[in-house]
Amino acid sequence: MGKKNKKKNRSGSIDQQPQPTPPSHNTSSTAAAAAFESEDLSLQRHDEETVLSAIYGDDFTLESGAWNCPVYKLRIRPASDVTDPNTTTALLNNNNNTDNHHQQCCELTLSIQLTQKYPYSIPLLQIINSIGLIHSNLSDLLSRLSQKATECAQKGEVMGWELGQ
């Protein structure tokens, strides 16, 4: 039987409402446990998608990926490029201009392929569409992202926003 939660109703009395509890892990309830876990992971993913969409706006896309799991794509660029979308184009077109010498244009798209056990497993991470970054910096960045993903997966925490930082 599930735990009961006490909640006051409008008249001030307390109602007891059952709280869902995960099924025990005996052989007869393995399928039920998997369904409960799947529903919980689905809710976590949905919440994460909502947050990423709110934060990144048009710089966040959600695609269908391998294993029937979503792929998050985050376009990451300096804050000045976000507030002035013409900055990237101007810098790319005038990259030999000495006035723009001190400004550096860079951006990338971080692809996060979720797995069925995400966030308890590490997603497949890729850096695509990079502009203004050298290969050694991309390798270092990908290594740091993998390390952060491992830390989050060990705790079972969703990590899209963390990786985008």
N, C-alpha and C. Protein backbone atom coordinates (compact mmCIF):
# COMPACT_ATOMS: atom_id res chain seq x y z
N MET A 1 0.85 -1.18 0.00
CA MET A 1 0.00 0.00 0.00
C MET A 1 0.88 1.23 0.00
N GLY A 2 0.52 2.26 -0.67
CA GLY A 2 1.32 3.48 -0.77
C GLY A 2 1.26 4.30 0.50
N LYS A 3 2.18 5.23 0.63
CA LYS A 3 2.21 6.14 1.76
C LYS A 3 1.03 7.09 1.64
N LYS A 4 0.59 7.63 2.76
CA LYS A 4 -0.51 8.59 2.71
C LYS A 4 0.03 9.96 3.05
N ASN A 5 -0.48 10.93 2.36
CA ASN A 5 -0.07 12.31 2.52
C ASN A 5 -1.25 13.07 3.10
N LYS A 6 -1.03 13.84 4.15
CA LYS A 6 -2.10 14.62 4.74
C LYS A 6 -2.18 15.95 4.04
N LYS A 7 -3.40 16.35 3.69
CA LYS A 7 -3.61 17.59 2.97
C LYS A 7 -4.89 18.24 3.50
N LYS A 8 -4.79 19.54 3.78
CA LYS A 8 -5.97 20.25 4.27
C LYS A 8 -6.90 20.54 3.11
N ASN A 9 -8.20 20.32 3.35
CA ASN A 9 -9.17 20.70 2.33
C ASN A 9 -9.69 22.10 2.65
N ARG A 10 -10.65 22.58 1.91
CA ARG A 10 -11.15 23.95 2.07
C ARG A 10 -11.76 24.21 3.45
N SER A 11 -12.33 23.21 4.03
CA SER A 11 -12.97 23.42 5.34
C SER A 11 -11.96 23.38 6.47
N GLY A 12 -10.71 23.11 6.18
CA GLY A 12 -9.68 23.09 7.21
C GLY A 12 -9.40 21.71 7.76
N SER A 13 -10.22 20.71 7.41
CA SER A 13 -9.94 19.36 7.88
C SER A 13 -8.86 18.74 7.00
N ILE A 14 -8.31 17.66 7.44
CA ILE A 14 -7.20 17.03 6.74
C ILE A 14 -7.67 15.79 6.01
N ASP A 15 -7.38 15.74 4.72
CA ASP A 15 -7.66 14.56 3.91
C ASP A 15 -6.38 13.79 3.74
N GLN A 16 -6.48 12.47 3.69
CA GLN A 16 -5.30 11.66 3.42
C GLN A 16 -5.38 11.19 1.99
N GLN A 17 -4.28 11.45 1.25
CA GLN A 17 -4.23 11.05 -0.15
C GLN A 17 -3.09 10.07 -0.34
N PRO A 18 -3.35 8.95 -1.02
CA PRO A 18 -2.27 7.98 -1.24
C PRO A 18 -1.23 8.55 -2.20
N GLN A 19 0.03 8.27 -1.91
CA GLN A 19 1.14 8.66 -2.77
C GLN A 19 1.64 7.42 -3.49
N PRO A 20 1.99 7.55 -4.77
CA PRO A 20 2.48 6.37 -5.48
C PRO A 20 3.82 5.93 -4.91
N THR A 21 3.97 4.64 -4.81
CA THR A 21 5.26 4.09 -4.37
C THR A 21 5.72 3.13 -5.44
N PRO A 22 7.04 3.09 -5.68
CA PRO A 22 7.51 2.16 -6.69
C PRO A 22 7.24 0.73 -6.28
N PRO A 23 6.91 -0.12 -7.21
CA PRO A 23 6.67 -1.52 -6.88
C PRO A 23 7.94 -2.18 -6.35
N SER A 24 7.75 -3.24 -5.54
CA SER A 24 8.91 -3.95 -5.03
C SER A 24 9.62 -4.65 -6.17
N HIS A 25 10.84 -5.05 -5.95
CA HIS A 25 11.65 -5.61 -7.02
C HIS A 25 11.66 -7.14 -7.03
N ASN A 26 10.52 -7.77 -6.76
CA ASN A 26 10.47 -9.22 -6.92
C ASN A 26 10.16 -9.55 -8.37
N THR A 27 10.28 -10.79 -8.73
CA THR A 27 10.14 -11.18 -10.13
C THR A 27 8.76 -10.92 -10.69
N SER A 28 7.72 -10.98 -9.87
CA SER A 28 6.36 -10.78 -10.38
C SER A 28 6.06 -9.32 -10.69
N SER A 29 6.84 -8.39 -10.14
CA SER A 29 6.54 -6.99 -10.37
C SER A 29 7.64 -6.27 -11.15
N THR A 30 8.51 -7.02 -11.81
CA THR A 30 9.58 -6.41 -12.59
C THR A 30 9.04 -5.54 -13.70
N ALA A 31 8.01 -5.99 -14.39
CA ALA A 31 7.41 -5.19 -15.46
C ALA A 31 6.77 -3.94 -14.91
N ALA A 32 6.12 -4.05 -13.75
CA ALA A 32 5.49 -2.89 -13.12
C ALA A 32 6.55 -1.88 -12.69
N ALA A 33 7.66 -2.36 -12.16
CA ALA A 33 8.74 -1.48 -11.75
C ALA A 33 9.32 -0.76 -12.96
N ALA A 34 9.49 -1.47 -14.07
CA ALA A 34 10.01 -0.85 -15.29
C ALA A 34 9.06 0.22 -15.80
N ALA A 35 7.77 -0.04 -15.73
CA ALA A 35 6.78 0.94 -16.18
C ALA A 35 6.82 2.18 -15.30
N PHE A 36 6.92 1.99 -13.97
CA PHE A 36 6.99 3.12 -13.05
C PHE A 36 8.24 3.95 -13.32
N GLU A 37 9.38 3.27 -13.50
CA GLU A 37 10.65 3.96 -13.77
C GLU A 37 10.58 4.69 -15.10
N SER A 38 10.00 4.05 -16.11
CA SER A 38 9.88 4.67 -17.42
C SER A 38 9.03 5.93 -17.36
N GLU A 39 7.92 5.87 -16.62
CA GLU A 39 7.06 7.04 -16.48
C GLU A 39 7.81 8.16 -15.77
N ASP A 40 8.54 7.84 -14.73
CA ASP A 40 9.31 8.83 -13.98
C ASP A 40 10.37 9.48 -14.87
N LEU A 41 11.09 8.68 -15.66
CA LEU A 41 12.11 9.22 -16.56
C LEU A 41 11.47 10.08 -17.64
N SER A 42 10.31 9.68 -18.12
CA SER A 42 9.61 10.45 -19.12
C SER A 42 9.21 11.82 -18.59
N LEU A 43 8.75 11.87 -17.35
CA LEU A 43 8.41 13.15 -16.72
C LEU A 43 9.63 14.03 -16.55
N GLN A 44 10.74 13.44 -16.15
CA GLN A 44 11.99 14.20 -15.99
C GLN A 44 12.41 14.78 -17.33
N ARG A 45 12.33 13.99 -18.38
CA ARG A 45 12.71 14.47 -19.72
C ARG A 45 11.80 15.60 -20.18
N HIS A 46 10.50 15.43 -19.96
CA HIS A 46 9.55 16.46 -20.37
C HIS A 46 9.84 17.77 -19.64
N ASP A 47 10.07 17.69 -18.34
CA ASP A 47 10.40 18.89 -17.57
C ASP A 47 11.68 19.54 -18.08
N GLU A 48 12.68 18.72 -18.38
CA GLU A 48 13.95 19.25 -18.89
C GLU A 48 13.75 19.92 -20.25
N GLU A 49 12.96 19.32 -21.10
CA GLU A 49 12.69 19.91 -22.42
C GLU A 49 12.00 21.26 -22.28
N THR A 50 11.08 21.37 -21.34
CA THR A 50 10.39 22.63 -21.09
C THR A 50 11.37 23.70 -20.63
N VAL A 51 12.26 23.34 -19.72
CA VAL A 51 13.24 24.30 -19.21
C VAL A 51 14.21 24.73 -20.32
N LEU A 52 14.73 23.78 -21.08
CA LEU A 52 15.67 24.11 -22.15
C LEU A 52 15.01 25.00 -23.21
N SER A 53 13.77 24.72 -23.53
CA SER A 53 13.06 25.53 -24.50
C SER A 53 12.86 26.95 -23.99
N ALA A 54 12.55 27.08 -22.70
CA ALA A 54 12.35 28.40 -22.12
C ALA A 54 13.66 29.20 -22.07
N ILE A 55 14.76 28.53 -21.77
CA ILE A 55 16.05 29.22 -21.64
C ILE A 55 16.65 29.52 -23.00
N TYR A 56 16.68 28.55 -23.88
CA TYR A 56 17.38 28.70 -25.16
C TYR A 56 16.49 29.20 -26.29
N GLY A 57 15.19 29.11 -26.15
CA GLY A 57 14.28 29.58 -27.20
C GLY A 57 14.55 28.89 -28.52
N ASP A 58 14.78 29.68 -29.57
CA ASP A 58 15.02 29.14 -30.91
C ASP A 58 16.37 28.42 -31.02
N ASP A 59 17.23 28.59 -30.01
CA ASP A 59 18.53 27.92 -30.02
C ASP A 59 18.46 26.50 -29.45
N PHE A 60 17.25 26.04 -29.14
CA PHE A 60 17.04 24.67 -28.68
C PHE A 60 16.14 23.95 -29.67
N THR A 61 16.58 22.78 -30.12
CA THR A 61 15.72 21.95 -30.96
C THR A 61 15.66 20.55 -30.37
N LEU A 62 14.54 19.92 -30.58
CA LEU A 62 14.30 18.57 -30.10
C LEU A 62 14.05 17.71 -31.31
N GLU A 63 14.86 16.65 -31.45
CA GLU A 63 14.74 15.76 -32.60
C GLU A 63 14.58 14.33 -32.12
N SER A 64 14.09 13.50 -33.01
CA SER A 64 13.97 12.07 -32.73
C SER A 64 15.33 11.43 -32.99
N GLY A 65 15.76 10.58 -32.09
CA GLY A 65 17.07 9.97 -32.24
C GLY A 65 17.04 8.47 -32.13
N ALA A 66 18.20 7.91 -31.90
CA ALA A 66 18.37 6.46 -31.78
C ALA A 66 17.64 5.95 -30.53
N TRP A 67 17.32 4.68 -30.54
CA TRP A 67 16.68 3.99 -29.42
C TRP A 67 15.33 4.61 -29.06
N ASN A 68 14.69 5.30 -30.01
CA ASN A 68 13.43 6.00 -29.75
C ASN A 68 13.56 7.02 -28.63
N CYS A 69 14.73 7.58 -28.51
CA CYS A 69 15.01 8.59 -27.50
C CYS A 69 15.28 9.93 -28.17
N PRO A 70 14.97 11.02 -27.48
CA PRO A 70 15.18 12.34 -28.08
C PRO A 70 16.64 12.75 -28.17
N VAL A 71 16.88 13.69 -29.08
CA VAL A 71 18.18 14.35 -29.19
C VAL A 71 17.94 15.83 -28.93
N TYR A 72 18.65 16.36 -27.94
CA TYR A 72 18.59 17.79 -27.68
C TYR A 72 19.72 18.45 -28.45
N LYS A 73 19.42 19.54 -29.13
CA LYS A 73 20.47 20.30 -29.80
C LYS A 73 20.43 21.73 -29.28
N LEU A 74 21.54 22.15 -28.68
CA LEU A 74 21.66 23.47 -28.10
C LEU A 74 22.66 24.29 -28.90
N ARG A 75 22.23 25.39 -29.45
CA ARG A 75 23.14 26.31 -30.12
C ARG A 75 23.70 27.22 -29.04
N ILE A 76 25.02 27.18 -28.89
CA ILE A 76 25.67 27.92 -27.82
C ILE A 76 26.58 28.97 -28.44
N ARG A 77 26.39 30.20 -27.99
CA ARG A 77 27.18 31.32 -28.51
C ARG A 77 27.28 32.39 -27.44
N PRO A 78 28.19 33.33 -27.62
CA PRO A 78 28.34 34.40 -26.62
C PRO A 78 27.04 35.20 -26.47
N ALA A 79 26.84 35.74 -25.29
CA ALA A 79 25.62 36.50 -25.00
C ALA A 79 25.43 37.66 -25.96
N SER A 80 26.50 38.31 -26.38
CA SER A 80 26.37 39.44 -27.30
C SER A 80 25.79 38.99 -28.63
N ASP A 81 26.07 37.78 -29.06
CA ASP A 81 25.51 37.26 -30.30
C ASP A 81 24.03 36.96 -30.15
N VAL A 82 23.62 36.60 -28.95
CA VAL A 82 22.21 36.29 -28.72
C VAL A 82 21.39 37.57 -28.77
N THR A 83 21.92 38.65 -28.20
CA THR A 83 21.17 39.90 -28.18
C THR A 83 21.24 40.63 -29.51
N ASP A 84 22.31 40.41 -30.29
CA ASP A 84 22.46 41.05 -31.60
C ASP A 84 22.80 39.98 -32.62
N PRO A 85 21.79 39.38 -33.27
CA PRO A 85 22.04 38.28 -34.20
C PRO A 85 22.90 38.67 -35.40
N ASN A 86 23.07 39.95 -35.69
CA ASN A 86 23.89 40.39 -36.82
C ASN A 86 25.37 40.34 -36.49
N THR A 87 25.73 40.21 -35.21
CA THR A 87 27.13 40.20 -34.81
C THR A 87 27.88 39.06 -35.47
N THR A 88 27.34 37.86 -35.42
CA THR A 88 28.02 36.70 -35.99
C THR A 88 28.24 36.89 -37.48
N THR A 89 27.21 37.32 -38.19
CA THR A 89 27.32 37.52 -39.64
C THR A 89 28.34 38.60 -39.96
N ALA A 90 28.31 39.71 -39.23
CA ALA A 90 29.24 40.80 -39.48
C ALA A 90 30.68 40.37 -39.23
N LEU A 91 30.91 39.64 -38.18
CA LEU A 91 32.27 39.21 -37.87
C LEU A 91 32.77 38.19 -38.89
N LEU A 92 31.90 37.32 -39.33
CA LEU A 92 32.32 36.34 -40.32
C LEU A 92 32.63 37.01 -41.66
N ASN A 93 31.83 37.99 -42.03
CA ASN A 93 32.04 38.68 -43.30
C ASN A 93 33.25 39.60 -43.27
N ASN A 94 33.61 40.10 -42.11
CA ASN A 94 34.70 41.07 -41.99
C ASN A 94 35.84 40.53 -41.12
N ASN A 95 36.13 39.26 -41.22
CA ASN A 95 37.12 38.68 -40.31
C ASN A 95 38.52 39.22 -40.52
N ASN A 96 38.79 39.92 -41.61
CA ASN A 96 40.10 40.54 -41.81
C ASN A 96 40.11 42.01 -41.43
N ASN A 97 38.99 42.53 -41.01
CA ASN A 97 38.87 43.93 -40.64
C ASN A 97 39.56 44.16 -39.29
N THR A 98 40.45 45.15 -39.21
CA THR A 98 41.20 45.39 -37.98
C THR A 98 40.31 45.89 -36.86
N ASP A 99 39.17 46.54 -37.18
CA ASP A 99 38.26 46.99 -36.13
C ASP A 99 37.66 45.81 -35.37
N ASN A 100 37.49 44.71 -36.06
CA ASN A 100 36.91 43.52 -35.44
C ASN A 100 37.98 42.57 -34.91
N HIS A 101 39.22 42.96 -34.99
CA HIS A 101 40.32 42.08 -34.58
C HIS A 101 40.19 41.66 -33.12
N HIS A 102 39.76 42.56 -32.26
CA HIS A 102 39.69 42.24 -30.84
C HIS A 102 38.43 41.45 -30.48
N GLN A 103 37.45 41.48 -31.35
CA GLN A 103 36.25 40.69 -31.12
C GLN A 103 36.47 39.31 -31.72
N GLN A 104 36.00 38.30 -31.03
CA GLN A 104 36.16 36.96 -31.56
C GLN A 104 34.80 36.31 -31.66
N CYS A 105 34.50 35.75 -32.81
CA CYS A 105 33.23 35.10 -33.04
C CYS A 105 33.40 33.59 -32.81
N CYS A 106 32.53 33.05 -32.03
CA CYS A 106 32.55 31.59 -31.89
C CYS A 106 31.14 31.13 -31.53
N GLU A 107 30.83 29.95 -31.96
CA GLU A 107 29.59 29.31 -31.59
C GLU A 107 29.69 27.83 -31.92
N LEU A 108 28.80 27.07 -31.33
CA LEU A 108 28.74 25.64 -31.62
C LEU A 108 27.35 25.14 -31.31
N THR A 109 27.08 23.97 -31.79
CA THR A 109 25.84 23.27 -31.44
C THR A 109 26.23 22.02 -30.67
N LEU A 110 25.67 21.89 -29.48
CA LEU A 110 25.90 20.71 -28.66
C LEU A 110 24.74 19.75 -28.89
N SER A 111 25.05 18.56 -29.37
CA SER A 111 24.04 17.53 -29.60
C SER A 111 24.11 16.54 -28.44
N ILE A 112 22.96 16.33 -27.80
CA ILE A 112 22.86 15.43 -26.65
C ILE A 112 21.87 14.33 -26.98
N GLN A 113 22.37 13.16 -27.36
CA GLN A 113 21.53 12.00 -27.68
C GLN A 113 21.24 11.24 -26.39
N LEU A 114 19.99 11.30 -25.94
CA LEU A 114 19.62 10.61 -24.71
C LEU A 114 19.56 9.11 -24.93
N THR A 115 19.66 8.39 -23.84
CA THR A 115 19.50 6.94 -23.86
C THR A 115 18.21 6.58 -23.11
N GLN A 116 17.83 5.33 -23.14
CA GLN A 116 16.60 4.92 -22.46
C GLN A 116 16.71 5.07 -20.95
N LYS A 117 17.90 5.00 -20.40
CA LYS A 117 18.09 5.11 -18.95
C LYS A 117 18.48 6.52 -18.50
N TYR A 118 18.50 7.47 -19.44
CA TYR A 118 18.84 8.86 -19.08
C TYR A 118 17.83 9.37 -18.06
N PRO A 119 18.22 10.04 -17.03
CA PRO A 119 19.51 10.65 -16.71
C PRO A 119 20.45 9.78 -15.89
N TYR A 120 20.13 8.49 -15.75
CA TYR A 120 21.01 7.60 -14.99
C TYR A 120 22.12 7.01 -15.84
N SER A 121 22.15 7.35 -17.11
CA SER A 121 23.23 6.93 -17.99
C SER A 121 23.72 8.15 -18.76
N ILE A 122 24.93 8.06 -19.24
CA ILE A 122 25.57 9.17 -19.93
C ILE A 122 25.05 9.26 -21.36
N PRO A 123 24.57 10.43 -21.78
CA PRO A 123 24.11 10.57 -23.16
C PRO A 123 25.31 10.64 -24.11
N LEU A 124 25.03 10.40 -25.39
CA LEU A 124 26.06 10.55 -26.42
C LEU A 124 26.17 12.04 -26.72
N LEU A 125 27.37 12.59 -26.56
CA LEU A 125 27.59 14.03 -26.76
C LEU A 125 28.40 14.25 -28.03
N GLN A 126 27.99 15.26 -28.81
CA GLN A 126 28.72 15.65 -30.01
C GLN A 126 28.71 17.16 -30.11
N ILE A 127 29.81 17.70 -30.61
CA ILE A 127 29.88 19.12 -30.92
C ILE A 127 29.84 19.23 -32.43
N ILE A 128 28.84 19.95 -32.92
CA ILE A 128 28.67 20.09 -34.37
C ILE A 128 28.56 21.58 -34.71
N ASN A 129 28.74 21.89 -35.97
CA ASN A 129 28.59 23.25 -36.47
C ASN A 129 29.40 24.27 -35.67
N SER A 130 30.65 23.95 -35.37
CA SER A 130 31.46 24.89 -34.59
C SER A 130 32.05 25.95 -35.51
N ILE A 131 32.08 27.16 -35.02
CA ILE A 131 32.64 28.30 -35.74
C ILE A 131 33.61 29.00 -34.80
N GLY A 132 34.82 29.26 -35.28
CA GLY A 132 35.77 30.04 -34.51
C GLY A 132 36.47 29.30 -33.39
N LEU A 133 36.39 27.99 -33.35
CA LEU A 133 37.05 27.20 -32.31
C LEU A 133 38.03 26.24 -32.96
N ILE A 134 39.22 26.12 -32.37
CA ILE A 134 40.21 25.21 -32.92
C ILE A 134 39.96 23.79 -32.38
N HIS A 135 40.45 22.82 -33.10
CA HIS A 135 40.20 21.41 -32.79
C HIS A 135 40.61 21.04 -31.36
N SER A 136 41.76 21.52 -30.91
CA SER A 136 42.21 21.16 -29.56
C SER A 136 41.26 21.72 -28.49
N ASN A 137 40.70 22.91 -28.73
CA ASN A 137 39.72 23.46 -27.79
C ASN A 137 38.44 22.63 -27.79
N LEU A 138 38.03 22.17 -28.96
CA LEU A 138 36.83 21.34 -29.05
C LEU A 138 37.03 20.00 -28.33
N SER A 139 38.22 19.42 -28.48
CA SER A 139 38.51 18.16 -27.80
C SER A 139 38.50 18.34 -26.28
N ASP A 140 39.10 19.44 -25.82
CA ASP A 140 39.12 19.72 -24.38
C ASP A 140 37.70 19.95 -23.87
N LEU A 141 36.92 20.71 -24.62
CA LEU A 141 35.54 20.99 -24.24
C LEU A 141 34.72 19.71 -24.17
N LEU A 142 34.85 18.86 -25.16
CA LEU A 142 34.11 17.60 -25.18
C LEU A 142 34.50 16.71 -24.00
N SER A 143 35.77 16.72 -23.65
CA SER A 143 36.25 15.96 -22.49
C SER A 143 35.62 16.48 -21.19
N ARG A 144 35.56 17.80 -21.06
CA ARG A 144 34.95 18.40 -19.86
C ARG A 144 33.46 18.12 -19.81
N LEU A 145 32.81 18.18 -20.96
CA LEU A 145 31.38 17.88 -21.01
C LEU A 145 31.11 16.43 -20.62
N SER A 146 31.95 15.52 -21.09
CA SER A 146 31.80 14.10 -20.74
C SER A 146 31.98 13.88 -19.25
N GLN A 147 32.93 14.58 -18.67
CA GLN A 147 33.16 14.47 -17.22
C GLN A 147 31.94 14.98 -16.45
N LYS A 148 31.39 16.11 -16.87
CA LYS A 148 30.21 16.67 -16.21
C LYS A 148 29.02 15.74 -16.38
N ALA A 149 28.86 15.15 -17.56
CA ALA A 149 27.77 14.22 -17.81
C ALA A 149 27.89 12.99 -16.90
N THR A 150 29.10 12.52 -16.70
CA THR A 150 29.33 11.37 -15.82
C THR A 150 28.92 11.71 -14.39
N GLU A 151 29.30 12.90 -13.92
CA GLU A 151 28.93 13.33 -12.56
C GLU A 151 27.42 13.40 -12.40
N CYS A 152 26.75 13.98 -13.37
CA CYS A 152 25.29 14.11 -13.31
C CYS A 152 24.60 12.75 -13.37
N ALA A 153 25.09 11.85 -14.23
CA ALA A 153 24.50 10.52 -14.37
C ALA A 153 24.63 9.72 -13.08
N GLN A 154 25.75 9.88 -12.39
CA GLN A 154 25.94 9.16 -11.13
C GLN A 154 24.91 9.59 -10.09
N LYS A 155 24.45 10.83 -10.17
CA LYS A 155 23.45 11.35 -9.24
C LYS A 155 22.03 11.19 -9.79
N GLY A 156 21.91 10.80 -11.06
CA GLY A 156 20.60 10.67 -11.68
C GLY A 156 19.95 12.01 -11.98
N GLU A 157 20.78 13.03 -12.24
CA GLU A 157 20.29 14.38 -12.50
C GLU A 157 20.22 14.65 -14.00
N VAL A 158 19.14 15.31 -14.44
CA VAL A 158 19.09 15.74 -15.83
C VAL A 158 20.22 16.75 -16.02
N MET A 159 20.77 16.81 -17.24
CA MET A 159 22.02 17.56 -17.40
C MET A 159 22.07 18.48 -18.60
N GLY A 160 21.00 18.62 -19.35
CA GLY A 160 21.03 19.47 -20.53
C GLY A 160 21.47 20.89 -20.23
N TRP A 161 20.85 21.48 -19.22
CA TRP A 161 21.20 22.86 -18.87
C TRP A 161 22.63 22.94 -18.36
N GLU A 162 23.03 22.00 -17.52
CA GLU A 162 24.40 21.97 -16.98
C GLU A 162 25.43 21.90 -18.11
N LEU A 163 25.18 21.07 -19.09
CA LEU A 163 26.13 20.90 -20.19
C LEU A 163 26.16 22.14 -21.07
N GLY A 164 25.05 22.84 -21.18
CA GLY A 164 25.00 24.05 -21.98
C GLY A 164 25.72 25.22 -21.34
N GLN A 165 26.01 25.13 -20.07
CA GLN A 165 26.71 26.21 -19.38
C GLN A 165 28.17 26.13 -19.69
